[in-house]
Amino acid sequence: MTTTGEKLSLVGFVLYQIAGLWTFVFLTFLDVYGYNWWNWIIALPVNLFVGEIWPIYWLVLRPIFGN
């Protein structure tokens, strides 16, 4: 039997992952950046990492570095 706290924890985890996925998609496909054939090797892992730390990206990095 699951408790209300466990259900809220699961909902929070799922919402966190959805926001991370959206950040990854935004950084990879929607942010205006001209990709070359070689920088996909670097951009995809970096975007994946930043997608997992999305609160830091949206609250700290994006305001500092702009755009």
N, C-alpha and C. Protein backbone atom coordinates (compact mmCIF):
# COMPACT_ATOMS: atom_id res chain seq x y z
N MET A 1 0.84 -1.17 0.00
CA MET A 1 0.00 0.00 0.00
C MET A 1 0.89 1.25 0.00
N THR A 2 0.61 2.18 -0.87
CA THR A 2 1.41 3.40 -0.96
C THR A 2 0.75 4.51 -0.17
N THR A 3 1.57 5.35 0.39
CA THR A 3 1.06 6.48 1.17
C THR A 3 0.96 7.70 0.27
N THR A 4 0.33 8.72 0.80
CA THR A 4 0.20 9.96 0.05
C THR A 4 1.56 10.57 -0.24
N GLY A 5 2.48 10.48 0.72
CA GLY A 5 3.82 11.01 0.51
C GLY A 5 4.56 10.31 -0.61
N GLU A 6 4.39 8.99 -0.72
CA GLU A 6 5.03 8.25 -1.81
C GLU A 6 4.45 8.64 -3.16
N LYS A 7 3.15 8.85 -3.19
CA LYS A 7 2.51 9.27 -4.45
C LYS A 7 2.98 10.66 -4.86
N LEU A 8 3.07 11.58 -3.89
CA LEU A 8 3.56 12.92 -4.20
C LEU A 8 5.01 12.89 -4.64
N SER A 9 5.79 12.01 -4.02
CA SER A 9 7.18 11.87 -4.41
C SER A 9 7.30 11.38 -5.85
N LEU A 10 6.48 10.43 -6.21
CA LEU A 10 6.48 9.92 -7.59
C LEU A 10 6.04 10.99 -8.57
N VAL A 11 5.01 11.74 -8.23
CA VAL A 11 4.54 12.81 -9.11
C VAL A 11 5.63 13.88 -9.27
N GLY A 12 6.30 14.24 -8.17
CA GLY A 12 7.37 15.22 -8.24
C GLY A 12 8.52 14.74 -9.11
N PHE A 13 8.88 13.45 -8.97
CA PHE A 13 9.95 12.88 -9.79
C PHE A 13 9.58 12.91 -11.27
N VAL A 14 8.36 12.53 -11.59
CA VAL A 14 7.92 12.51 -12.99
C VAL A 14 7.91 13.94 -13.56
N LEU A 15 7.41 14.90 -12.80
CA LEU A 15 7.39 16.29 -13.28
C LEU A 15 8.81 16.83 -13.46
N TYR A 16 9.72 16.46 -12.57
CA TYR A 16 11.12 16.89 -12.69
C TYR A 16 11.73 16.33 -13.97
N GLN A 17 11.46 15.08 -14.28
CA GLN A 17 12.01 14.46 -15.49
C GLN A 17 11.39 15.05 -16.75
N ILE A 18 10.11 15.37 -16.71
CA ILE A 18 9.46 16.01 -17.86
C ILE A 18 10.08 17.38 -18.12
N ALA A 19 10.30 18.15 -17.05
CA ALA A 19 10.95 19.46 -17.22
C ALA A 19 12.37 19.30 -17.74
N GLY A 20 13.07 18.27 -17.29
CA GLY A 20 14.42 18.01 -17.80
C GLY A 20 14.41 17.64 -19.27
N LEU A 21 13.45 16.83 -19.66
CA LEU A 21 13.33 16.46 -21.07
C LEU A 21 13.00 17.68 -21.93
N TRP A 22 12.10 18.53 -21.44
CA TRP A 22 11.75 19.73 -22.18
C TRP A 22 12.96 20.64 -22.31
N THR A 23 13.77 20.77 -21.26
CA THR A 23 14.97 21.60 -21.32
C THR A 23 15.96 21.04 -22.34
N PHE A 24 16.12 19.72 -22.36
CA PHE A 24 17.00 19.09 -23.35
C PHE A 24 16.51 19.37 -24.77
N VAL A 25 15.23 19.20 -25.01
CA VAL A 25 14.67 19.46 -26.34
C VAL A 25 14.83 20.93 -26.71
N PHE A 26 14.58 21.81 -25.75
CA PHE A 26 14.73 23.24 -26.01
C PHE A 26 16.17 23.58 -26.39
N LEU A 27 17.12 23.10 -25.60
CA LEU A 27 18.52 23.41 -25.87
C LEU A 27 19.02 22.79 -27.16
N THR A 28 18.54 21.61 -27.48
CA THR A 28 19.04 20.90 -28.65
C THR A 28 18.40 21.39 -29.95
N PHE A 29 17.10 21.63 -29.92
CA PHE A 29 16.40 21.91 -31.18
C PHE A 29 15.80 23.30 -31.30
N LEU A 30 15.41 23.92 -30.20
CA LEU A 30 14.69 25.18 -30.29
C LEU A 30 15.54 26.40 -30.03
N ASP A 31 16.62 26.25 -29.27
CA ASP A 31 17.52 27.37 -29.03
C ASP A 31 18.29 27.64 -30.33
N VAL A 32 18.39 28.90 -30.69
CA VAL A 32 19.03 29.25 -31.96
C VAL A 32 20.53 29.08 -31.83
N TYR A 33 21.03 28.00 -32.38
CA TYR A 33 22.45 27.71 -32.38
C TYR A 33 22.79 26.95 -33.65
N GLY A 34 23.81 27.39 -34.34
CA GLY A 34 24.20 26.75 -35.59
C GLY A 34 25.10 25.56 -35.35
N TYR A 35 24.55 24.37 -35.48
CA TYR A 35 25.33 23.15 -35.26
C TYR A 35 26.10 22.77 -36.51
N ASN A 36 27.33 22.31 -36.32
CA ASN A 36 28.13 21.69 -37.37
C ASN A 36 28.07 20.19 -37.20
N TRP A 37 28.72 19.47 -38.07
CA TRP A 37 28.69 18.01 -37.96
C TRP A 37 29.45 17.53 -36.75
N TRP A 38 30.48 18.25 -36.31
CA TRP A 38 31.32 17.76 -35.22
C TRP A 38 30.84 18.20 -33.85
N ASN A 39 30.15 19.34 -33.74
CA ASN A 39 29.79 19.79 -32.40
C ASN A 39 28.56 19.09 -31.83
N TRP A 40 27.93 18.23 -32.60
CA TRP A 40 26.87 17.38 -32.02
C TRP A 40 27.47 16.44 -30.98
N ILE A 41 28.72 16.04 -31.19
CA ILE A 41 29.39 15.14 -30.25
C ILE A 41 29.51 15.80 -28.88
N ILE A 42 29.72 17.09 -28.86
CA ILE A 42 29.84 17.83 -27.61
C ILE A 42 28.48 18.33 -27.14
N ALA A 43 27.67 18.82 -28.05
CA ALA A 43 26.41 19.48 -27.68
C ALA A 43 25.41 18.51 -27.04
N LEU A 44 25.28 17.32 -27.56
CA LEU A 44 24.29 16.40 -27.00
C LEU A 44 24.57 16.01 -25.55
N PRO A 45 25.79 15.60 -25.20
CA PRO A 45 26.04 15.30 -23.78
C PRO A 45 25.90 16.52 -22.87
N VAL A 46 26.35 17.68 -23.34
CA VAL A 46 26.22 18.89 -22.52
C VAL A 46 24.76 19.24 -22.34
N ASN A 47 23.98 19.17 -23.39
CA ASN A 47 22.55 19.47 -23.29
C ASN A 47 21.84 18.45 -22.40
N LEU A 48 22.24 17.21 -22.46
CA LEU A 48 21.66 16.19 -21.58
C LEU A 48 21.98 16.50 -20.12
N PHE A 49 23.23 16.86 -19.85
CA PHE A 49 23.62 17.21 -18.49
C PHE A 49 22.85 18.43 -17.98
N VAL A 50 22.79 19.47 -18.80
CA VAL A 50 22.09 20.69 -18.39
C VAL A 50 20.59 20.42 -18.26
N GLY A 51 20.07 19.51 -19.07
CA GLY A 51 18.66 19.14 -18.93
C GLY A 51 18.38 18.49 -17.60
N GLU A 52 19.35 17.77 -17.05
CA GLU A 52 19.15 17.13 -15.75
C GLU A 52 19.32 18.11 -14.60
N ILE A 53 20.04 19.19 -14.80
CA ILE A 53 20.15 20.21 -13.76
C ILE A 53 19.36 21.45 -14.18
N TRP A 54 18.18 21.24 -14.75
CA TRP A 54 17.40 22.32 -15.33
C TRP A 54 17.06 23.45 -14.37
N PRO A 55 16.85 23.23 -13.08
CA PRO A 55 16.57 24.41 -12.24
C PRO A 55 17.74 25.40 -12.20
N ILE A 56 18.96 24.86 -12.17
CA ILE A 56 20.14 25.72 -12.18
C ILE A 56 20.24 26.46 -13.51
N TYR A 57 19.92 25.76 -14.60
CA TYR A 57 19.98 26.40 -15.92
C TYR A 57 19.00 27.56 -16.00
N TRP A 58 17.73 27.33 -15.68
CA TRP A 58 16.70 28.34 -15.85
C TRP A 58 16.80 29.47 -14.83
N LEU A 59 17.26 29.17 -13.61
CA LEU A 59 17.29 30.20 -12.57
C LEU A 59 18.62 30.94 -12.48
N VAL A 60 19.73 30.32 -12.90
CA VAL A 60 21.04 30.93 -12.72
C VAL A 60 21.73 31.17 -14.07
N LEU A 61 21.94 30.12 -14.84
CA LEU A 61 22.76 30.23 -16.05
C LEU A 61 22.11 31.06 -17.14
N ARG A 62 20.85 30.83 -17.41
CA ARG A 62 20.18 31.56 -18.50
C ARG A 62 20.12 33.05 -18.22
N PRO A 63 19.77 33.50 -17.00
CA PRO A 63 19.80 34.95 -16.76
C PRO A 63 21.21 35.57 -16.85
N ILE A 64 22.23 34.81 -16.44
CA ILE A 64 23.59 35.35 -16.47
C ILE A 64 24.10 35.45 -17.92
N PHE A 65 23.94 34.37 -18.68
CA PHE A 65 24.48 34.35 -20.03
C PHE A 65 23.52 34.85 -21.09
N GLY A 66 22.30 35.13 -20.70
CA GLY A 66 21.34 35.78 -21.58
C GLY A 66 20.71 34.88 -22.61
N ASN A 67 19.90 35.53 -23.43
CA ASN A 67 19.15 34.86 -24.49
C ASN A 67 18.15 33.98 -23.88
